[in-house]
Amino acid sequence: MRLTMQLNNEQQGHLAAQTIWRTAKAHLSAGRRMVLELRPQTRSTAQNARLWAMLTEISKQVDWYGKKLSADDWKNVFSSSLRKLEVVPNLDGTGFVALGMSTSKMTIAEMCDMQTLMESFGAEKGVKFSAAGYE
């Protein structure tokens, strides 16, 4: 069983707390253990669409140290840069792996920061972002 509620104001928060308590109380009374998580909302669907549109444009237009990177590779470059992540050798010692958070767990504010970083990088590299995916 999983209960997820989006909270947009204090009244919703109060009602959600009452609903959660009633639900949790029934399970706890039945001897089941429960976990309660409260966290900031993660990125929106619109932000995700814009992210991938931007990553695709960058992957098509920018050579990175003589290589063309995939949109997924660019996502790792930007998220690592934004988060100032730690890098460790991979298992066979022939490369490196950046440690850190996936973009799907980023908050709306963190995703805004990442897209601002991408826009700045794109401007420096002459990337022309098309209108697709930017609604």
C-alpha atoms as a PDB file:
ATOM      1  CA  MET A   1       0.000   0.000   0.000  1.00  0.00           C
ATOM      2  CA  ARG A   2       1.301   3.449  -0.904  1.00  0.00           C
ATOM      3  CA  LEU A   3      -0.383   6.795  -0.316  1.00  0.00           C
ATOM      4  CA  THR A   4       0.931   9.861  -2.133  1.00  0.00           C
ATOM      5  CA  MET A   5      -0.604  13.320  -1.835  1.00  0.00           C
ATOM      6  CA  GLN A   6       0.427  16.553  -3.518  1.00  0.00           C
ATOM      7  CA  LEU A   7       0.209  19.518  -1.163  1.00  0.00           C
ATOM      8  CA  ASN A   8      -0.276  23.014  -2.560  1.00  0.00           C
ATOM      9  CA  ASN A   9      -1.467  24.959   0.492  1.00  0.00           C
ATOM     10  CA  GLU A  10      -1.876  24.797   4.268  1.00  0.00           C
ATOM     11  CA  GLN A  11      -5.482  23.584   4.159  1.00  0.00           C
ATOM     12  CA  GLN A  12      -4.551  20.645   1.928  1.00  0.00           C
ATOM     13  CA  GLY A  13      -1.666  19.870   4.259  1.00  0.00           C
ATOM     14  CA  HIS A  14      -3.953  19.784   7.281  1.00  0.00           C
ATOM     15  CA  LEU A  15      -6.522  17.532   5.575  1.00  0.00           C
ATOM     16  CA  ALA A  16      -3.770  15.259   4.256  1.00  0.00           C
ATOM     17  CA  ALA A  17      -2.261  14.895   7.737  1.00  0.00           C
ATOM     18  CA  GLN A  18      -5.656  13.819   9.098  1.00  0.00           C
ATOM     19  CA  THR A  19      -6.154  11.325   6.253  1.00  0.00           C
ATOM     20  CA  ILE A  20      -2.652   9.929   6.646  1.00  0.00           C
ATOM     21  CA  TRP A  21      -3.112   9.502  10.386  1.00  0.00           C
ATOM     22  CA  ARG A  22      -6.415   7.617   9.962  1.00  0.00           C
ATOM     23  CA  THR A  23      -4.820   5.324   7.368  1.00  0.00           C
ATOM     24  CA  ALA A  24      -1.601   4.797   9.351  1.00  0.00           C
ATOM     25  CA  LYS A  25      -3.467   4.205  12.618  1.00  0.00           C
ATOM     26  CA  ALA A  26      -5.463   1.334  11.091  1.00  0.00           C
ATOM     27  CA  HIS A  27      -2.302  -0.349   9.800  1.00  0.00           C
ATOM     28  CA  LEU A  28      -0.338   0.240  13.007  1.00  0.00           C
ATOM     29  CA  SER A  29      -3.216  -1.127  15.098  1.00  0.00           C
ATOM     30  CA  ALA A  30      -3.102  -4.249  12.921  1.00  0.00           C
ATOM     31  CA  GLY A  31       0.594  -4.664  13.770  1.00  0.00           C
ATOM     32  CA  ARG A  32       1.984  -3.470  10.438  1.00  0.00           C
ATOM     33  CA  ARG A  33       4.956  -1.133  10.363  1.00  0.00           C
ATOM     34  CA  MET A  34       4.640   1.989   8.227  1.00  0.00           C
ATOM     35  CA  VAL A  35       7.038   4.583   6.804  1.00  0.00           C
ATOM     36  CA  LEU A  36       6.042   8.241   6.491  1.00  0.00           C
ATOM     37  CA  GLU A  37       7.911  10.386   3.965  1.00  0.00           C
ATOM     38  CA  LEU A  38       7.542  14.124   3.451  1.00  0.00           C
ATOM     39  CA  ARG A  39       9.652  15.647   0.672  1.00  0.00           C
ATOM     40  CA  PRO A  40       9.618  18.504  -1.826  1.00  0.00           C
ATOM     41  CA  GLN A  41       7.778  17.854  -5.082  1.00  0.00           C
ATOM     42  CA  THR A  42      10.057  16.540  -7.821  1.00  0.00           C
ATOM     43  CA  ARG A  43      10.375  17.917 -11.333  1.00  0.00           C
ATOM     44  CA  SER A  44       7.248  18.390 -13.402  1.00  0.00           C
ATOM     45  CA  THR A  45       6.301  16.566 -16.601  1.00  0.00           C
ATOM     46  CA  ALA A  46       6.788  19.827 -18.523  1.00  0.00           C
ATOM     47  CA  GLN A  47      10.277  20.253 -17.039  1.00  0.00           C
ATOM     48  CA  ASN A  48      11.131  16.688 -18.008  1.00  0.00           C
ATOM     49  CA  ALA A  49       9.998  17.258 -21.609  1.00  0.00           C
ATOM     50  CA  ARG A  50      11.993  20.495 -21.802  1.00  0.00           C
ATOM     51  CA  LEU A  51      15.038  18.790 -20.271  1.00  0.00           C
ATOM     52  CA  TRP A  52      15.112  16.096 -22.955  1.00  0.00           C
ATOM     53  CA  ALA A  53      14.461  18.585 -25.769  1.00  0.00           C
ATOM     54  CA  MET A  54      17.423  20.670 -24.578  1.00  0.00           C
ATOM     55  CA  LEU A  55      19.666  17.630 -24.097  1.00  0.00           C
ATOM     56  CA  THR A  56      18.835  16.430 -27.613  1.00  0.00           C
ATOM     57  CA  GLU A  57      19.700  19.826 -29.111  1.00  0.00           C
ATOM     58  CA  ILE A  58      22.999  19.954 -27.229  1.00  0.00           C
ATOM     59  CA  SER A  59      23.888  16.379 -28.209  1.00  0.00           C
ATOM     60  CA  LYS A  60      23.325  17.212 -31.894  1.00  0.00           C
ATOM     61  CA  GLN A  61      25.226  20.506 -31.889  1.00  0.00           C
ATOM     62  CA  VAL A  62      28.158  20.196 -29.471  1.00  0.00           C
ATOM     63  CA  ASP A  63      31.355  18.176 -29.789  1.00  0.00           C
ATOM     64  CA  TRP A  64      32.812  17.479 -26.352  1.00  0.00           C
ATOM     65  CA  TYR A  65      36.564  17.054 -26.484  1.00  0.00           C
ATOM     66  CA  GLY A  66      36.279  15.606 -29.976  1.00  0.00           C
ATOM     67  CA  LYS A  67      33.329  13.338 -29.184  1.00  0.00           C
ATOM     68  CA  LYS A  68      29.616  13.454 -29.806  1.00  0.00           C
ATOM     69  CA  LEU A  69      27.810  12.591 -26.593  1.00  0.00           C
ATOM     70  CA  SER A  70      24.297  11.159 -26.390  1.00  0.00           C
ATOM     71  CA  ALA A  71      21.502  13.107 -24.712  1.00  0.00           C
ATOM     72  CA  ASP A  72      21.778  10.698 -21.766  1.00  0.00           C
ATOM     73  CA  ASP A  73      25.537  11.333 -21.513  1.00  0.00           C
ATOM     74  CA  TRP A  74      24.897  15.085 -21.511  1.00  0.00           C
ATOM     75  CA  LYS A  75      22.321  14.629 -18.742  1.00  0.00           C
ATOM     76  CA  ASN A  76      25.068  13.041 -16.637  1.00  0.00           C
ATOM     77  CA  VAL A  77      27.528  15.837 -17.477  1.00  0.00           C
ATOM     78  CA  PHE A  78      25.080  18.580 -16.473  1.00  0.00           C
ATOM     79  CA  SER A  79      23.717  16.884 -13.359  1.00  0.00           C
ATOM     80  CA  SER A  80      27.263  16.105 -12.196  1.00  0.00           C
ATOM     81  CA  SER A  81      28.311  19.707 -12.792  1.00  0.00           C
ATOM     82  CA  LEU A  82      25.277  21.101 -11.008  1.00  0.00           C
ATOM     83  CA  ARG A  83      25.588  18.836  -7.993  1.00  0.00           C
ATOM     84  CA  LYS A  84      29.410  18.999  -7.766  1.00  0.00           C
ATOM     85  CA  LEU A  85      29.430  15.221  -7.566  1.00  0.00           C
ATOM     86  CA  GLU A  86      32.272  12.983  -6.538  1.00  0.00           C
ATOM     87  CA  VAL A  87      33.997  10.846  -9.194  1.00  0.00           C
ATOM     88  CA  VAL A  88      35.446   7.395  -8.462  1.00  0.00           C
ATOM     89  CA  PRO A  89      37.209   4.780 -10.638  1.00  0.00           C
ATOM     90  CA  ASN A  90      34.899   2.199 -12.221  1.00  0.00           C
ATOM     91  CA  LEU A  91      35.197  -1.495 -11.318  1.00  0.00           C
ATOM     92  CA  ASP A  92      37.970  -2.409 -13.750  1.00  0.00           C
ATOM     93  CA  GLY A  93      39.868   0.866 -13.265  1.00  0.00           C
ATOM     94  CA  THR A  94      39.674   1.889 -16.932  1.00  0.00           C
ATOM     95  CA  GLY A  95      37.302   4.808 -16.435  1.00  0.00           C
ATOM     96  CA  PHE A  96      35.382   6.826 -13.895  1.00  0.00           C
ATOM     97  CA  VAL A  97      31.846   6.999 -12.534  1.00  0.00           C
ATOM     98  CA  ALA A  98      30.145  10.119 -11.165  1.00  0.00           C
ATOM     99  CA  LEU A  99      28.302   9.449  -7.931  1.00  0.00           C
ATOM    100  CA  GLY A 100      25.116  11.249  -7.162  1.00  0.00           C
ATOM    101  CA  MET A 101      21.447  11.889  -7.647  1.00  0.00           C
ATOM    102  CA  SER A 102      19.319  11.070 -10.664  1.00  0.00           C
ATOM    103  CA  THR A 103      17.434  13.884 -12.351  1.00  0.00           C
ATOM    104  CA  SER A 104      14.122  12.136 -11.697  1.00  0.00           C
ATOM    105  CA  LYS A 105      14.605  12.847  -7.984  1.00  0.00           C
ATOM    106  CA  MET A 106      15.422  16.522  -8.483  1.00  0.00           C
ATOM    107  CA  THR A 107      13.018  19.070  -7.069  1.00  0.00           C
ATOM    108  CA  ILE A 108      11.378  21.629  -9.317  1.00  0.00           C
ATOM    109  CA  ALA A 109      13.911  24.239  -8.143  1.00  0.00           C
ATOM    110  CA  GLU A 110      16.869  21.914  -8.792  1.00  0.00           C
ATOM    111  CA  MET A 111      15.568  21.187 -12.288  1.00  0.00           C
ATOM    112  CA  CYS A 112      15.224  24.939 -12.927  1.00  0.00           C
ATOM    113  CA  ASP A 113      18.865  25.348 -11.865  1.00  0.00           C
ATOM    114  CA  MET A 114      19.951  22.546 -14.188  1.00  0.00           C
ATOM    115  CA  GLN A 115      18.084  23.995 -17.157  1.00  0.00           C
ATOM    116  CA  THR A 116      19.562  27.434 -16.455  1.00  0.00           C
ATOM    117  CA  LEU A 117      23.023  25.828 -16.466  1.00  0.00           C
ATOM    118  CA  MET A 118      22.196  24.136 -19.778  1.00  0.00           C
ATOM    119  CA  GLU A 119      20.974  27.410 -21.297  1.00  0.00           C
ATOM    120  CA  SER A 120      24.180  29.171 -20.217  1.00  0.00           C
ATOM    121  CA  PHE A 121      26.338  26.364 -21.615  1.00  0.00           C
ATOM    122  CA  GLY A 122      24.302  26.358 -24.828  1.00  0.00           C
ATOM    123  CA  ALA A 123      24.795  30.118 -25.229  1.00  0.00           C
ATOM    124  CA  GLU A 124      28.568  29.722 -24.775  1.00  0.00           C
ATOM    125  CA  LYS A 125      28.687  26.917 -27.365  1.00  0.00           C
ATOM    126  CA  GLY A 126      26.318  28.532 -29.885  1.00  0.00           C
ATOM    127  CA  VAL A 127      23.535  25.964 -29.463  1.00  0.00           C
ATOM    128  CA  LYS A 128      20.324  26.931 -31.250  1.00  0.00           C
ATOM    129  CA  PHE A 129      17.414  25.633 -29.197  1.00  0.00           C
ATOM    130  CA  SER A 130      14.306  24.963 -31.282  1.00  0.00           C
ATOM    131  CA  ALA A 131      10.811  25.740 -30.005  1.00  0.00           C
ATOM    132  CA  ALA A 132       9.865  22.027 -29.790  1.00  0.00           C
ATOM    133  CA  GLY A 133       9.549  20.797 -26.214  1.00  0.00           C
ATOM    134  CA  TYR A 134       9.648  24.275 -24.701  1.00  0.00           C
ATOM    135  CA  GLU A 135       5.939  24.893 -24.164  1.00  0.00           C
END
